[in-house]
Amino acid sequence: MKIRTNTQIEGILRMAFCLDGNSIKDVAEMANINQNILYKWNCGAMRFSPDNIDKLLMYFHEYEPERFDRAERMYDALRGIK
């Protein structure tokens, strides 16, 4: 994983939710994040706290690493990051 800003990480995490995998409801439950906050964040209505970003990163690395890796590659390709 590259060194990234919180904004970049949020973009990758949002992209991961667009890919096939567990629903937002399931992710919220497994990552111990309030479901309503996760829905609002995913639709772009609010920024995420660093604590919640960490919880999501831990979730994806533990339960769905392929989904996160795919989202990260897509994010980099769309922005021309090598």
Protein backbone atom coordinates (compact mmCIF):
# COMPACT_ATOMS: atom_id res chain seq x y z
CA MET A 1 0.00 0.00 0.00
CA LYS A 2 1.26 3.46 -0.90
CA ILE A 3 1.38 6.46 1.40
CA ARG A 4 -1.87 8.32 0.81
CA THR A 5 -3.87 11.23 2.16
CA ASN A 6 -7.17 10.65 3.99
CA THR A 7 -8.98 12.06 0.94
CA GLN A 8 -7.34 9.50 -1.34
CA ILE A 9 -8.10 6.68 1.07
CA GLU A 10 -11.74 7.79 1.26
CA GLY A 11 -11.91 7.71 -2.54
CA ILE A 12 -10.53 4.19 -2.63
CA LEU A 13 -12.92 3.03 0.08
CA ARG A 14 -15.91 4.55 -1.75
CA MET A 15 -14.76 2.81 -4.92
CA ALA A 16 -14.54 -0.48 -3.02
CA PHE A 17 -18.23 -0.19 -2.13
CA CYS A 18 -19.04 0.03 -5.85
CA LEU A 19 -17.49 -3.40 -6.41
CA ASP A 20 -19.12 -6.75 -5.70
CA GLY A 21 -18.85 -7.83 -2.08
CA ASN A 22 -20.56 -7.46 1.26
CA SER A 23 -23.27 -4.81 1.56
CA ILE A 24 -22.79 -1.55 3.42
CA LYS A 25 -25.05 -2.93 6.16
CA ASP A 26 -22.82 -6.00 6.62
CA VAL A 27 -19.61 -3.96 6.49
CA ALA A 28 -20.96 -1.50 9.08
CA GLU A 29 -21.81 -4.34 11.43
CA MET A 30 -18.49 -6.14 10.99
CA ALA A 31 -16.41 -2.94 11.21
CA ASN A 32 -18.38 -1.65 14.22
CA ILE A 33 -19.45 1.57 12.48
CA ASN A 34 -22.91 3.13 12.73
CA GLN A 35 -24.79 2.06 9.60
CA ASN A 36 -26.41 5.47 9.02
CA ILE A 37 -23.05 7.23 9.24
CA LEU A 38 -21.57 4.78 6.73
CA TYR A 39 -24.48 5.35 4.30
CA LYS A 40 -24.17 9.15 4.61
CA TRP A 41 -20.40 9.00 4.11
CA ASN A 42 -20.68 6.69 1.10
CA CYS A 43 -23.11 9.03 -0.68
CA GLY A 44 -20.70 11.94 -0.12
CA ALA A 45 -22.82 13.81 2.41
CA MET A 46 -20.05 13.96 5.02
CA ARG A 47 -16.36 13.36 5.68
CA PHE A 48 -15.23 10.36 7.68
CA SER A 49 -13.28 10.55 10.92
CA PRO A 50 -9.77 9.05 10.91
CA ASP A 51 -11.02 6.48 13.43
CA ASN A 52 -13.74 5.26 11.05
CA ILE A 53 -11.29 5.24 8.13
CA ASP A 54 -9.02 3.00 10.21
CA LYS A 55 -11.94 0.69 11.04
CA LEU A 56 -12.83 0.34 7.35
CA LEU A 57 -9.21 -0.25 6.34
CA MET A 58 -8.92 -2.99 8.97
CA TYR A 59 -12.19 -4.52 7.77
CA PHE A 60 -11.10 -4.63 4.13
CA HIS A 61 -7.63 -5.95 4.94
CA GLU A 62 -9.07 -8.69 7.14
CA TYR A 63 -12.23 -9.74 5.28
CA GLU A 64 -12.06 -8.49 1.68
CA PRO A 65 -8.45 -7.69 0.72
CA GLU A 66 -9.01 -8.47 -2.98
CA ARG A 67 -11.88 -6.00 -3.14
CA PHE A 68 -9.74 -3.24 -1.61
CA ASP A 69 -6.76 -4.03 -3.88
CA ARG A 70 -8.98 -3.91 -6.95
CA ALA A 71 -10.45 -0.56 -5.85
CA GLU A 72 -6.96 0.80 -5.22
CA ARG A 73 -5.78 -0.22 -8.71
CA MET A 74 -8.89 1.33 -10.27
CA TYR A 75 -8.40 4.56 -8.29
CA ASP A 76 -4.77 4.81 -9.41
CA ALA A 77 -5.64 4.07 -13.04
CA LEU A 78 -8.38 6.71 -13.14
CA ARG A 79 -6.05 9.34 -11.71
CA GLY A 80 -2.92 8.33 -13.63
CA ILE A 81 -1.00 7.39 -10.48
CA LYS A 82 1.81 4.89 -11.00
